[in-house]
């Protein structure tokens, strides 16, 4: 079976990379990879991103020690987004703001709907 080819061309040479804790499924962060960042990640086993603001590669945790060791990787059905399942090394603070996950800012929604916890009974 051939490995799927990642489509880096849809976003001008970049692909979003979702980082997920392999142990508990928590989404930790989102970064962008170009082909070189993906190849370095695959070759070293540590997640490397492409910085869109600095126009350079950076390996997560180089300075903080909170490195992301890649355990599994998959692509979506369009082959233009990556899901990286990782083990977090160091103190576990993945976000530069000192939190485990970058997804800590809750947004309010205009309409609240009750969440159903069980499937509704069918009408007889």
PDB file of N, CA and C in Angstrom:
ATOM      1  N   UNK A   1       0.848  -1.193   0.000  1.00  0.00           N
ATOM      2  CA  UNK A   1       0.000   0.000   0.000  1.00  0.00           C
ATOM      3  C   UNK A   1       0.887   1.248   0.000  1.00  0.00           C
ATOM      4  N   UNK A   2       0.601   2.163  -0.905  1.00  0.00           N
ATOM      5  CA  UNK A   2       1.389   3.388  -1.011  1.00  0.00           C
ATOM      6  C   UNK A   2       0.948   4.404   0.025  1.00  0.00           C
ATOM      7  N   UNK A   3       1.916   5.166   0.530  1.00  0.00           N
ATOM      8  CA  UNK A   3       1.606   6.236   1.474  1.00  0.00           C
ATOM      9  C   UNK A   3       0.932   7.375   0.722  1.00  0.00           C
ATOM     10  N   UNK A   4      -0.160   7.938   1.266  1.00  0.00           N
ATOM     11  CA  UNK A   4      -0.825   9.058   0.589  1.00  0.00           C
ATOM     12  C   UNK A   4       0.113  10.257   0.459  1.00  0.00           C
ATOM     13  N   UNK A   5       0.026  10.944  -0.648  1.00  0.00           N
ATOM     14  CA  UNK A   5       0.818  12.149  -0.874  1.00  0.00           C
ATOM     15  C   UNK A   5       0.052  13.345  -0.314  1.00  0.00           C
ATOM     16  N   UNK A   6       0.717  14.177   0.447  1.00  0.00           N
ATOM     17  CA  UNK A   6       0.083  15.360   1.025  1.00  0.00           C
ATOM     18  C   UNK A   6       0.037  16.452  -0.034  1.00  0.00           C
ATOM     19  N   UNK A   7      -1.131  17.080  -0.181  1.00  0.00           N
ATOM     20  CA  UNK A   7      -1.306  18.139  -1.171  1.00  0.00           C
ATOM     21  C   UNK A   7      -0.954  19.482  -0.542  1.00  0.00           C
ATOM     22  N   UNK A   8       0.288  19.905  -0.736  1.00  0.00           N
ATOM     23  CA  UNK A   8       0.749  21.183  -0.192  1.00  0.00           C
ATOM     24  C   UNK A   8       0.386  22.362  -1.095  1.00  0.00           C
ATOM     25  N   UNK A   9      -0.122  22.095  -2.285  1.00  0.00           N
ATOM     26  CA  UNK A   9      -0.341  23.170  -3.252  1.00  0.00           C
ATOM     27  C   UNK A   9      -1.653  23.922  -3.057  1.00  0.00           C
ATOM     28  N   UNK A  10      -2.623  23.342  -2.359  1.00  0.00           N
ATOM     29  CA  UNK A  10      -3.925  24.003  -2.202  1.00  0.00           C
ATOM     30  C   UNK A  10      -3.814  25.313  -1.428  1.00  0.00           C
ATOM     31  N   UNK A  11      -2.847  25.394  -0.504  1.00  0.00           N
ATOM     32  CA  UNK A  11      -2.677  26.610   0.307  1.00  0.00           C
ATOM     33  C   UNK A  11      -1.280  27.198   0.091  1.00  0.00           C
ATOM     34  N   UNK A  12      -0.903  27.325  -1.165  1.00  0.00           N
ATOM     35  CA  UNK A  12       0.370  27.947  -1.532  1.00  0.00           C
ATOM     36  C   UNK A  12       1.561  27.302  -0.819  1.00  0.00           C
ATOM     37  N   UNK A  13       1.610  25.981  -0.832  1.00  0.00           N
ATOM     38  CA  UNK A  13       2.754  25.270  -0.282  1.00  0.00           C
ATOM     39  C   UNK A  13       2.633  24.886   1.177  1.00  0.00           C
ATOM     40  N   UNK A  14       1.479  25.161   1.799  1.00  0.00           N
ATOM     41  CA  UNK A  14       1.291  24.857   3.215  1.00  0.00           C
ATOM     42  C   UNK A  14       0.136  23.889   3.428  1.00  0.00           C
ATOM     43  N   UNK A  15       0.187  23.179   4.540  1.00  0.00           N
ATOM     44  CA  UNK A  15      -0.915  22.321   4.967  1.00  0.00           C
ATOM     45  C   UNK A  15      -1.106  22.519   6.464  1.00  0.00           C
ATOM     46  N   UNK A  16      -2.353  22.710   6.916  1.00  0.00           N
ATOM     47  CA  UNK A  16      -2.602  22.794   8.352  1.00  0.00           C
ATOM     48  C   UNK A  16      -2.270  21.457   9.010  1.00  0.00           C
ATOM     49  N   UNK A  17      -1.713  21.519  10.212  1.00  0.00           N
ATOM     50  CA  UNK A  17      -1.377  20.312  10.971  1.00  0.00           C
ATOM     51  C   UNK A  17      -1.997  20.428  12.359  1.00  0.00           C
ATOM     52  N   UNK A  18      -2.993  19.591  12.607  1.00  0.00           N
ATOM     53  CA  UNK A  18      -3.667  19.554  13.900  1.00  0.00           C
ATOM     54  C   UNK A  18      -2.860  18.637  14.808  1.00  0.00           C
ATOM     55  N   UNK A  19      -2.548  19.104  16.005  1.00  0.00           N
ATOM     56  CA  UNK A  19      -1.771  18.311  16.955  1.00  0.00           C
ATOM     57  C   UNK A  19      -2.696  17.821  18.060  1.00  0.00           C
ATOM     58  N   UNK A  20      -2.710  16.497  18.239  1.00  0.00           N
ATOM     59  CA  UNK A  20      -3.597  15.855  19.204  1.00  0.00           C
ATOM     60  C   UNK A  20      -2.784  14.977  20.143  1.00  0.00           C
ATOM     61  N   UNK A  21      -3.112  15.019  21.430  1.00  0.00           N
ATOM     62  CA  UNK A  21      -2.479  14.135  22.405  1.00  0.00           C
ATOM     63  C   UNK A  21      -2.905  12.703  22.085  1.00  0.00           C
ATOM     64  N   UNK A  22      -1.956  11.844  21.820  1.00  0.00           N
ATOM     65  CA  UNK A  22      -2.266  10.463  21.439  1.00  0.00           C
ATOM     66  C   UNK A  22      -2.872   9.678  22.592  1.00  0.00           C
ATOM     67  N   UNK A  23      -2.586  10.081  23.814  1.00  0.00           N
ATOM     68  CA  UNK A  23      -3.067   9.340  24.981  1.00  0.00           C
ATOM     69  C   UNK A  23      -4.527   9.633  25.308  1.00  0.00           C
ATOM     70  N   UNK A  24      -4.912  10.924  25.297  1.00  0.00           N
ATOM     71  CA  UNK A  24      -6.276  11.259  25.726  1.00  0.00           C
ATOM     72  C   UNK A  24      -7.135  11.927  24.657  1.00  0.00           C
ATOM     73  N   UNK A  25      -6.597  12.174  23.470  1.00  0.00           N
ATOM     74  CA  UNK A  25      -7.378  12.741  22.375  1.00  0.00           C
ATOM     75  C   UNK A  25      -7.532  14.254  22.398  1.00  0.00           C
ATOM     76  N   UNK A  26      -6.961  14.935  23.391  1.00  0.00           N
ATOM     77  CA  UNK A  26      -7.093  16.385  23.489  1.00  0.00           C
ATOM     78  C   UNK A  26      -6.399  17.067  22.307  1.00  0.00           C
ATOM     79  N   UNK A  27      -7.086  18.055  21.710  1.00  0.00           N
ATOM     80  CA  UNK A  27      -6.480  18.856  20.645  1.00  0.00           C
ATOM     81  C   UNK A  27      -5.593  19.899  21.316  1.00  0.00           C
ATOM     82  N   UNK A  28      -4.327  19.924  20.938  1.00  0.00           N
ATOM     83  CA  UNK A  28      -3.359  20.786  21.603  1.00  0.00           C
ATOM     84  C   UNK A  28      -3.072  22.078  20.852  1.00  0.00           C
ATOM     85  N   UNK A  29      -2.945  21.991  19.547  1.00  0.00           N
ATOM     86  CA  UNK A  29      -2.615  23.187  18.778  1.00  0.00           C
ATOM     87  C   UNK A  29      -2.820  22.926  17.294  1.00  0.00           C
ATOM     88  N   UNK A  30      -2.699  23.987  16.529  1.00  0.00           N
ATOM     89  CA  UNK A  30      -2.733  23.930  15.073  1.00  0.00           C
ATOM     90  C   UNK A  30      -1.538  24.705  14.570  1.00  0.00           C
ATOM     91  N   UNK A  31      -0.811  24.117  13.662  1.00  0.00           N
ATOM     92  CA  UNK A  31       0.307  24.802  13.035  1.00  0.00           C
ATOM     93  C   UNK A  31       0.261  24.543  11.545  1.00  0.00           C
ATOM     94  N   UNK A  32       1.204  25.104  10.819  1.00  0.00           N
ATOM     95  CA  UNK A  32       1.265  24.890   9.380  1.00  0.00           C
ATOM     96  C   UNK A  32       2.584  24.239   9.017  1.00  0.00           C
ATOM     97  N   UNK A  33       2.518  23.363   8.046  1.00  0.00           N
ATOM     98  CA  UNK A  33       3.713  22.685   7.559  1.00  0.00           C
ATOM     99  C   UNK A  33       3.849  22.909   6.061  1.00  0.00           C
ATOM    100  N   UNK A  34       5.079  23.088   5.631  1.00  0.00           N
ATOM    101  CA  UNK A  34       5.373  22.979   4.211  1.00  0.00           C
ATOM    102  C   UNK A  34       6.023  21.606   4.017  1.00  0.00           C
ATOM    103  N   UNK A  35       6.389  21.286   2.809  1.00  0.00           N
ATOM    104  CA  UNK A  35       6.953  19.956   2.535  1.00  0.00           C
ATOM    105  C   UNK A  35       8.220  19.700   3.377  1.00  0.00           C
ATOM    106  N   UNK A  36       9.072  20.714   3.494  1.00  0.00           N
ATOM    107  CA  UNK A  36      10.312  20.558   4.258  1.00  0.00           C
ATOM    108  C   UNK A  36      10.033  20.300   5.746  1.00  0.00           C
ATOM    109  N   UNK A  37       9.047  21.008   6.316  1.00  0.00           N
ATOM    110  CA  UNK A  37       8.690  20.789   7.721  1.00  0.00           C
ATOM    111  C   UNK A  37       8.151  19.379   7.923  1.00  0.00           C
ATOM    112  N   UNK A  38       7.313  18.907   6.996  1.00  0.00           N
ATOM    113  CA  UNK A  38       6.785  17.544   7.090  1.00  0.00           C
ATOM    114  C   UNK A  38       7.918  16.519   7.013  1.00  0.00           C
ATOM    115  N   UNK A  39       8.843  16.713   6.080  1.00  0.00           N
ATOM    116  CA  UNK A  39       9.952  15.765   5.928  1.00  0.00           C
ATOM    117  C   UNK A  39      10.833  15.751   7.174  1.00  0.00           C
ATOM    118  N   UNK A  40      11.093  16.914   7.757  1.00  0.00           N
ATOM    119  CA  UNK A  40      11.901  16.963   8.978  1.00  0.00           C
ATOM    120  C   UNK A  40      11.170  16.275  10.133  1.00  0.00           C
ATOM    121  N   UNK A  41       9.859  16.520  10.242  1.00  0.00           N
ATOM    122  CA  UNK A  41       9.056  15.869  11.280  1.00  0.00           C
ATOM    123  C   UNK A  41       9.115  14.360  11.118  1.00  0.00           C
ATOM    124  N   UNK A  42       8.905  13.903   9.914  1.00  0.00           N
ATOM    125  CA  UNK A  42       8.928  12.460   9.632  1.00  0.00           C
ATOM    126  C   UNK A  42      10.315  11.866   9.902  1.00  0.00           C
ATOM    127  N   UNK A  43      11.357  12.582   9.542  1.00  0.00           N
ATOM    128  CA  UNK A  43      12.715  12.055   9.696  1.00  0.00           C
ATOM    129  C   UNK A  43      13.200  12.064  11.143  1.00  0.00           C
ATOM    130  N   UNK A  44      12.816  13.096  11.919  1.00  0.00           N
ATOM    131  CA  UNK A  44      13.318  13.210  13.293  1.00  0.00           C
ATOM    132  C   UNK A  44      12.371  12.634  14.330  1.00  0.00           C
ATOM    133  N   UNK A  45      11.073  12.589  13.989  1.00  0.00           N
ATOM    134  CA  UNK A  45      10.070  12.139  14.952  1.00  0.00           C
ATOM    135  C   UNK A  45       9.560  13.250  15.848  1.00  0.00           C
ATOM    136  N   UNK A  46      10.072  14.473  15.678  1.00  0.00           N
ATOM    137  CA  UNK A  46       9.620  15.625  16.460  1.00  0.00           C
ATOM    138  C   UNK A  46       8.945  16.630  15.524  1.00  0.00           C
ATOM    139  N   UNK A  47       7.824  17.184  15.986  1.00  0.00           N
ATOM    140  CA  UNK A  47       7.002  18.039  15.135  1.00  0.00           C
ATOM    141  C   UNK A  47       7.708  19.355  14.840  1.00  0.00           C
ATOM    142  N   UNK A  48       7.828  19.637  13.551  1.00  0.00           N
ATOM    143  CA  UNK A  48       8.416  20.874  13.046  1.00  0.00           C
ATOM    144  C   UNK A  48       7.378  21.575  12.192  1.00  0.00           C
ATOM    145  N   UNK A  49       7.223  22.867  12.400  1.00  0.00           N
ATOM    146  CA  UNK A  49       6.263  23.673  11.652  1.00  0.00           C
ATOM    147  C   UNK A  49       6.995  24.675  10.777  1.00  0.00           C
ATOM    148  N   UNK A  50       6.220  25.288   9.890  1.00  0.00           N
ATOM    149  CA  UNK A  50       6.700  26.422   9.117  1.00  0.00           C
ATOM    150  C   UNK A  50       6.057  27.673   9.687  1.00  0.00           C
ATOM    151  N   UNK A  51       6.856  28.627  10.115  1.00  0.00           N
ATOM    152  CA  UNK A  51       6.346  29.886  10.654  1.00  0.00           C
ATOM    153  C   UNK A  51       5.998  30.815   9.495  1.00  0.00           C
ATOM    154  N   UNK A  52       4.734  31.175   9.410  1.00  0.00           N
ATOM    155  CA  UNK A  52       4.283  32.080   8.345  1.00  0.00           C
ATOM    156  C   UNK A  52       4.736  33.504   8.588  1.00  0.00           C
ATOM    157  N   UNK A  53       4.978  33.873   9.837  1.00  0.00           N
ATOM    158  CA  UNK A  53       5.418  35.242  10.130  1.00  0.00           C
ATOM    159  C   UNK A  53       6.931  35.397   9.993  1.00  0.00           C
ATOM    160  N   UNK A  54       7.677  34.368  10.376  1.00  0.00           N
ATOM    161  CA  UNK A  54       9.138  34.444  10.291  1.00  0.00           C
ATOM    162  C   UNK A  54       9.689  33.809   9.013  1.00  0.00           C
ATOM    163  N   UNK A  55       8.834  33.123   8.272  1.00  0.00           N
ATOM    164  CA  UNK A  55       9.240  32.438   7.036  1.00  0.00           C
ATOM    165  C   UNK A  55      10.410  31.487   7.265  1.00  0.00           C
ATOM    166  N   UNK A  56      10.271  30.660   8.331  1.00  0.00           N
ATOM    167  CA  UNK A  56      11.322  29.684   8.620  1.00  0.00           C
ATOM    168  C   UNK A  56      10.725  28.491   9.360  1.00  0.00           C
ATOM    169  N   UNK A  57      11.476  27.400   9.371  1.00  0.00           N
ATOM    170  CA  UNK A  57      11.067  26.214  10.102  1.00  0.00           C
ATOM    171  C   UNK A  57      11.344  26.399  11.584  1.00  0.00           C
ATOM    172  N   UNK A  58      10.514  25.783  12.435  1.00  0.00           N
ATOM    173  CA  UNK A  58      10.774  25.767  13.872  1.00  0.00           C
ATOM    174  C   UNK A  58      10.230  24.466  14.434  1.00  0.00           C
ATOM    175  N   UNK A  59      11.024  23.868  15.287  1.00  0.00           N
ATOM    176  CA  UNK A  59      10.625  22.625  15.934  1.00  0.00           C
ATOM    177  C   UNK A  59      10.011  22.963  17.277  1.00  0.00           C
ATOM    178  N   UNK A  60       8.785  22.532  17.480  1.00  0.00           N
ATOM    179  CA  UNK A  60       8.055  22.830  18.715  1.00  0.00           C
ATOM    180  C   UNK A  60       8.849  22.324  19.908  1.00  0.00           C
ATOM    181  N   UNK A  61       9.072  23.188  20.900  1.00  0.00           N
ATOM    182  CA  UNK A  61       9.765  22.820  22.124  1.00  0.00           C
ATOM    183  C   UNK A  61      11.267  22.966  22.090  1.00  0.00           C
ATOM    184  N   UNK A  62      11.820  23.542  21.028  1.00  0.00           N
ATOM    185  CA  UNK A  62      13.273  23.727  20.942  1.00  0.00           C
ATOM    186  C   UNK A  62      13.821  24.491  22.142  1.00  0.00           C
ATOM    187  N   UNK A  63      13.122  25.533  22.542  1.00  0.00           N
ATOM    188  CA  UNK A  63      13.618  26.341  23.658  1.00  0.00           C
ATOM    189  C   UNK A  63      12.947  25.985  24.979  1.00  0.00           C
ATOM    190  N   UNK A  64      11.670  25.603  24.948  1.00  0.00           N
ATOM    191  CA  UNK A  64      10.937  25.333  26.188  1.00  0.00           C
ATOM    192  C   UNK A  64      11.145  23.921  26.717  1.00  0.00           C
ATOM    193  N   UNK A  65      11.534  23.005  25.845  1.00  0.00           N
ATOM    194  CA  UNK A  65      11.650  21.601  26.238  1.00  0.00           C
ATOM    195  C   UNK A  65      10.344  20.837  26.127  1.00  0.00           C
ATOM    196  N   UNK A  66       9.262  21.508  25.779  1.00  0.00           N
ATOM    197  CA  UNK A  66       7.957  20.868  25.623  1.00  0.00           C
ATOM    198  C   UNK A  66       7.806  20.361  24.186  1.00  0.00           C
ATOM    199  N   UNK A  67       8.649  19.413  23.850  1.00  0.00           N
ATOM    200  CA  UNK A  67       8.676  18.894  22.479  1.00  0.00           C
ATOM    201  C   UNK A  67       7.508  17.956  22.233  1.00  0.00           C
ATOM    202  N   UNK A  68       7.165  17.828  20.963  1.00  0.00           N
ATOM    203  CA  UNK A  68       6.071  16.969  20.542  1.00  0.00           C
ATOM    204  C   UNK A  68       6.637  15.792  19.767  1.00  0.00           C
ATOM    205  N   UNK A  69       6.619  14.632  20.397  1.00  0.00           N
ATOM    206  CA  UNK A  69       7.105  13.419  19.764  1.00  0.00           C
ATOM    207  C   UNK A  69       5.962  12.787  18.976  1.00  0.00           C
ATOM    208  N   UNK A  70       6.116  12.703  17.663  1.00  0.00           N
ATOM    209  CA  UNK A  70       5.048  12.207  16.812  1.00  0.00           C
ATOM    210  C   UNK A  70       4.968  10.683  16.892  1.00  0.00           C
ATOM    211  N   UNK A  71       3.785  10.189  17.245  1.00  0.00           N
ATOM    212  CA  UNK A  71       3.559   8.749  17.319  1.00  0.00           C
ATOM    213  C   UNK A  71       2.825   8.229  16.088  1.00  0.00           C
ATOM    214  N   UNK A  72       1.836   9.001  15.632  1.00  0.00           N
ATOM    215  CA  UNK A  72       1.044   8.617  14.463  1.00  0.00           C
ATOM    216  C   UNK A  72       0.740   9.861  13.650  1.00  0.00           C
ATOM    217  N   UNK A  73       0.547   9.677  12.353  1.00  0.00           N
ATOM    218  CA  UNK A  73       0.160  10.790  11.485  1.00  0.00           C
ATOM    219  C   UNK A  73      -0.830  10.268  10.450  1.00  0.00           C
ATOM    220  N   UNK A  74      -1.808  11.100  10.145  1.00  0.00           N
ATOM    221  CA  UNK A  74      -2.762  10.753   9.093  1.00  0.00           C
ATOM    222  C   UNK A  74      -3.155  12.032   8.367  1.00  0.00           C
ATOM    223  N   UNK A  75      -3.773  11.852   7.227  1.00  0.00           N
ATOM    224  CA  UNK A  75      -4.243  12.985   6.440  1.00  0.00           C
ATOM    225  C   UNK A  75      -5.746  12.851   6.249  1.00  0.00           C
ATOM    226  N   UNK A  76      -6.379  13.970   5.954  1.00  0.00           N
ATOM    227  CA  UNK A  76      -7.819  13.922   5.714  1.00  0.00           C
ATOM    228  C   UNK A  76      -8.097  13.391   4.314  1.00  0.00           C
ATOM    229  N   UNK A  77      -9.381  13.275   3.983  1.00  0.00           N
ATOM    230  CA  UNK A  77      -9.769  12.671   2.706  1.00  0.00           C
ATOM    231  C   UNK A  77      -9.300  13.486   1.497  1.00  0.00           C
ATOM    232  N   UNK A  78      -9.111  14.794   1.660  1.00  0.00           N
ATOM    233  CA  UNK A  78      -8.610  15.639   0.568  1.00  0.00           C
ATOM    234  C   UNK A  78      -7.093  15.690   0.510  1.00  0.00           C
ATOM    235  N   UNK A  79      -6.439  15.098   1.512  1.00  0.00           N
ATOM    236  CA  UNK A  79      -4.978  15.036   1.601  1.00  0.00           C
ATOM    237  C   UNK A  79      -4.337  16.427   1.743  1.00  0.00           C
ATOM    238  N   UNK A  80      -5.093  17.399   2.313  1.00  0.00           N
ATOM    239  CA  UNK A  80      -4.533  18.743   2.456  1.00  0.00           C
ATOM    240  C   UNK A  80      -4.462  19.213   3.906  1.00  0.00           C
ATOM    241  N   UNK A  81      -4.746  18.320   4.842  1.00  0.00           N
ATOM    242  CA  UNK A  81      -4.655  18.626   6.266  1.00  0.00           C
ATOM    243  C   UNK A  81      -4.089  17.405   6.983  1.00  0.00           C
ATOM    244  N   UNK A  82      -3.209  17.648   7.947  1.00  0.00           N
ATOM    245  CA  UNK A  82      -2.591  16.556   8.706  1.00  0.00           C
ATOM    246  C   UNK A  82      -3.149  16.498  10.115  1.00  0.00           C
ATOM    247  N   UNK A  83      -3.246  15.305  10.644  1.00  0.00           N
ATOM    248  CA  UNK A  83      -3.544  15.077  12.052  1.00  0.00           C
ATOM    249  C   UNK A  83      -2.334  14.362  12.637  1.00  0.00           C
ATOM    250  N   UNK A  84      -1.657  15.016  13.589  1.00  0.00           N
ATOM    251  CA  UNK A  84      -0.463  14.456  14.215  1.00  0.00           C
ATOM    252  C   UNK A  84      -0.814  14.058  15.638  1.00  0.00           C
ATOM    253  N   UNK A  85      -0.703  12.796  15.934  1.00  0.00           N
ATOM    254  CA  UNK A  85      -0.943  12.320  17.290  1.00  0.00           C
ATOM    255  C   UNK A  85       0.414  12.206  17.965  1.00  0.00           C
ATOM    256  N   UNK A  86       0.537  12.875  19.114  1.00  0.00           N
ATOM    257  CA  UNK A  86       1.839  13.081  19.730  1.00  0.00           C
ATOM    258  C   UNK A  86       1.854  12.686  21.192  1.00  0.00           C
ATOM    259  N   UNK A  87       3.071  12.563  21.689  1.00  0.00           N
ATOM    260  CA  UNK A  87       3.333  12.502  23.127  1.00  0.00           C
ATOM    261  C   UNK A  87       4.072  13.786  23.463  1.00  0.00           C
ATOM    262  N   UNK A  88       3.588  14.494  24.485  1.00  0.00           N
ATOM    263  CA  UNK A  88       4.203  15.764  24.873  1.00  0.00           C
ATOM    264  C   UNK A  88       5.326  15.484  25.862  1.00  0.00           C
ATOM    265  N   UNK A  89       6.495  16.019  25.579  1.00  0.00           N
ATOM    266  CA  UNK A  89       7.643  15.885  26.478  1.00  0.00           C
ATOM    267  C   UNK A  89       7.783  17.149  27.317  1.00  0.00           C
ATOM    268  N   UNK A  90       8.553  17.083  28.358  1.00  0.00           N
ATOM    269  CA  UNK A  90       8.786  18.247  29.213  1.00  0.00           C
ATOM    270  C   UNK A  90       7.636  18.457  30.179  1.00  0.00           C
ATOM    271  N   UNK A  91       7.376  19.718  30.516  1.00  0.00           N
ATOM    272  CA  UNK A  91       6.335  20.063  31.486  1.00  0.00           C
ATOM    273  C   UNK A  91       4.932  19.936  30.910  1.00  0.00           C
ATOM    274  N   UNK A  92       4.812  19.762  29.602  1.00  0.00           N
ATOM    275  CA  UNK A  92       3.513  19.549  28.986  1.00  0.00           C
ATOM    276  C   UNK A  92       2.765  20.801  28.598  1.00  0.00           C
ATOM    277  N   UNK A  93       3.396  21.958  28.713  1.00  0.00           N
ATOM    278  CA  UNK A  93       2.745  23.211  28.341  1.00  0.00           C
ATOM    279  C   UNK A  93       3.022  23.470  26.860  1.00  0.00           C
ATOM    280  N   UNK A  94       2.080  23.145  26.031  1.00  0.00           N
ATOM    281  CA  UNK A  94       2.270  23.237  24.587  1.00  0.00           C
ATOM    282  C   UNK A  94       2.110  24.667  24.082  1.00  0.00           C
ATOM    283  N   UNK A  95       1.156  25.407  24.633  1.00  0.00           N
ATOM    284  CA  UNK A  95       0.887  26.768  24.169  1.00  0.00           C
ATOM    285  C   UNK A  95       1.935  27.749  24.707  1.00  0.00           C
ATOM    286  N   UNK A  96       2.277  28.727  23.891  1.00  0.00           N
ATOM    287  CA  UNK A  96       3.246  29.742  24.318  1.00  0.00           C
ATOM    288  C   UNK A  96       2.696  30.611  25.451  1.00  0.00           C
ATOM    289  N   UNK A  97       1.381  30.518  25.734  1.00  0.00           N
ATOM    290  CA  UNK A  97       0.805  31.278  26.841  1.00  0.00           C
ATOM    291  C   UNK A  97       0.821  30.487  28.148  1.00  0.00           C
ATOM    292  N   UNK A  98       1.490  29.348  28.155  1.00  0.00           N
ATOM    293  CA  UNK A  98       1.663  28.587  29.387  1.00  0.00           C
ATOM    294  C   UNK A  98       0.544  27.615  29.712  1.00  0.00           C
ATOM    295  N   UNK A  99      -0.239  27.242  28.721  1.00  0.00           N
ATOM    296  CA  UNK A  99      -1.301  26.262  28.923  1.00  0.00           C
ATOM    297  C   UNK A  99      -0.996  24.999  28.126  1.00  0.00           C
ATOM    298  N   UNK A 100      -1.661  23.931  28.496  1.00  0.00           N
ATOM    299  CA  UNK A 100      -1.438  22.662  27.791  1.00  0.00           C
ATOM    300  C   UNK A 100      -1.925  22.745  26.355  1.00  0.00           C
ATOM    301  N   UNK A 101      -3.092  23.325  26.152  1.00  0.00           N
ATOM    302  CA  UNK A 101      -3.681  23.445  24.818  1.00  0.00           C
ATOM    303  C   UNK A 101      -3.759  24.910  24.424  1.00  0.00           C
ATOM    304  N   UNK A 102      -3.647  25.174  23.148  1.00  0.00           N
ATOM    305  CA  UNK A 102      -3.837  26.535  22.644  1.00  0.00           C
ATOM    306  C   UNK A 102      -5.316  26.890  22.557  1.00  0.00           C
ATOM    307  N   UNK A 103      -6.189  25.906  22.662  1.00  0.00           N
ATOM    308  CA  UNK A 103      -7.628  26.130  22.503  1.00  0.00           C
ATOM    309  C   UNK A 103      -8.289  26.338  23.858  1.00  0.00           C
ATOM    310  N   UNK A 104      -8.079  27.533  24.421  1.00  0.00           N
ATOM    311  CA  UNK A 104      -8.608  27.845  25.741  1.00  0.00           C
ATOM    312  C   UNK A 104      -9.588  29.016  25.727  1.00  0.00           C
ATOM    313  N   UNK A 105      -9.710  29.700  24.612  1.00  0.00           N
ATOM    314  CA  UNK A 105     -10.566  30.879  24.517  1.00  0.00           C
ATOM    315  C   UNK A 105     -11.956  30.473  24.046  1.00  0.00           C
ATOM    316  N   UNK A 106     -12.918  30.432  24.977  1.00  0.00           N
ATOM    317  CA  UNK A 106     -14.291  30.044  24.656  1.00  0.00           C
ATOM    318  C   UNK A 106     -15.000  31.175  23.919  1.00  0.00           C
ATOM    319  N   UNK A 107     -15.752  30.815  22.916  1.00  0.00           N
ATOM    320  CA  UNK A 107     -16.547  31.779  22.164  1.00  0.00           C
ATOM    321  C   UNK A 107     -18.010  31.602  22.534  1.00  0.00           C
ATOM    322  N   UNK A 108     -18.721  32.714  22.664  1.00  0.00           N
ATOM    323  CA  UNK A 108     -20.149  32.604  22.949  1.00  0.00           C
ATOM    324  C   UNK A 108     -20.885  32.375  21.634  1.00  0.00           C
ATOM    325  N   UNK A 109     -21.919  31.597  21.709  1.00  0.00           N
ATOM    326  CA  UNK A 109     -22.721  31.301  20.537  1.00  0.00           C
ATOM    327  C   UNK A 109     -24.039  32.043  20.644  1.00  0.00           C
ATOM    328  N   UNK A 110     -24.595  32.518  19.534  1.00  0.00           N
ATOM    329  CA  UNK A 110     -25.805  33.327  19.598  1.00  0.00           C
ATOM    330  C   UNK A 110     -27.038  32.561  20.086  1.00  0.00           C
ATOM    331  N   UNK A 111     -27.095  31.279  19.834  1.00  0.00           N
ATOM    332  CA  UNK A 111     -28.250  30.489  20.236  1.00  0.00           C
ATOM    333  C   UNK A 111     -27.741  29.278  21.000  1.00  0.00           C
ATOM    334  N   UNK A 112     -28.293  29.087  22.181  1.00  0.00           N
ATOM    335  CA  UNK A 112     -27.889  27.888  22.908  1.00  0.00           C
ATOM    336  C   UNK A 112     -28.940  26.818  22.685  1.00  0.00           C
ATOM    337  N   UNK A 113     -28.471  25.626  22.463  1.00  0.00           N
ATOM    338  CA  UNK A 113     -29.359  24.497  22.243  1.00  0.00           C
ATOM    339  C   UNK A 113     -29.047  23.456  23.290  1.00  0.00           C
ATOM    340  N   UNK A 114     -30.063  22.792  23.784  1.00  0.00           N
ATOM    341  CA  UNK A 114     -29.799  21.722  24.749  1.00  0.00           C
ATOM    342  C   UNK A 114     -29.071  20.573  24.067  1.00  0.00           C
ATOM    343  N   UNK A 115     -28.191  19.967  24.779  1.00  0.00           N
ATOM    344  CA  UNK A 115     -27.454  18.826  24.253  1.00  0.00           C
ATOM    345  C   UNK A 115     -28.197  17.565  24.662  1.00  0.00           C
ATOM    346  N   UNK A 116     -28.526  16.753  23.682  1.00  0.00           N
ATOM    347  CA  UNK A 116     -29.217  15.505  23.983  1.00  0.00           C
ATOM    348  C   UNK A 116     -28.200  14.477  24.420  1.00  0.00           C
ATOM    349  N   UNK A 117     -28.497  13.813  25.505  1.00  0.00           N
ATOM    350  CA  UNK A 117     -27.569  12.812  26.015  1.00  0.00           C
ATOM    351  C   UNK A 117     -27.966  11.404  25.612  1.00  0.00           C
ATOM    352  N   UNK A 118     -29.196  11.233  25.181  1.00  0.00           N
ATOM    353  CA  UNK A 118     -29.652   9.919  24.741  1.00  0.00           C
ATOM    354  C   UNK A 118     -30.450  10.094  23.465  1.00  0.00           C
ATOM    355  N   UNK A 119     -30.468   9.050  22.673  1.00  0.00           N
ATOM    356  CA  UNK A 119     -31.240   9.106  21.426  1.00  0.00           C
ATOM    357  C   UNK A 119     -32.717   9.202  21.769  1.00  0.00           C
ATOM    358  N   UNK A 120     -33.457  10.063  21.067  1.00  0.00           N
ATOM    359  CA  UNK A 120     -34.889  10.175  21.352  1.00  0.00           C
ATOM    360  C   UNK A 120     -35.618   8.891  20.988  1.00  0.00           C
ATOM    361  N   UNK A 121     -36.666   8.622  21.732  1.00  0.00           N
ATOM    362  CA  UNK A 121     -37.467   7.435  21.435  1.00  0.00           C
ATOM    363  C   UNK A 121     -38.224   7.673  20.144  1.00  0.00           C
ATOM    364  N   UNK A 122     -38.354   6.620  19.379  1.00  0.00           N
ATOM    365  CA  UNK A 122     -39.097   6.724  18.122  1.00  0.00           C
ATOM    366  C   UNK A 122     -40.603   6.683  18.410  1.00  0.00           C
ATOM    367  N   UNK A 123     -41.339   7.438  17.606  1.00  0.00           N
ATOM    368  CA  UNK A 123     -42.814   7.410  17.734  1.00  0.00           C
ATOM    369  C   UNK A 123     -43.308   6.029  17.283  1.00  0.00           C
ATOM    370  N   UNK A 124     -44.296   5.531  18.002  1.00  0.00           N
ATOM    371  CA  UNK A 124     -44.812   4.193  17.649  1.00  0.00           C
ATOM    372  C   UNK A 124     -45.954   4.277  16.709  1.00  0.00           C
TER     373      UNK A 124
END
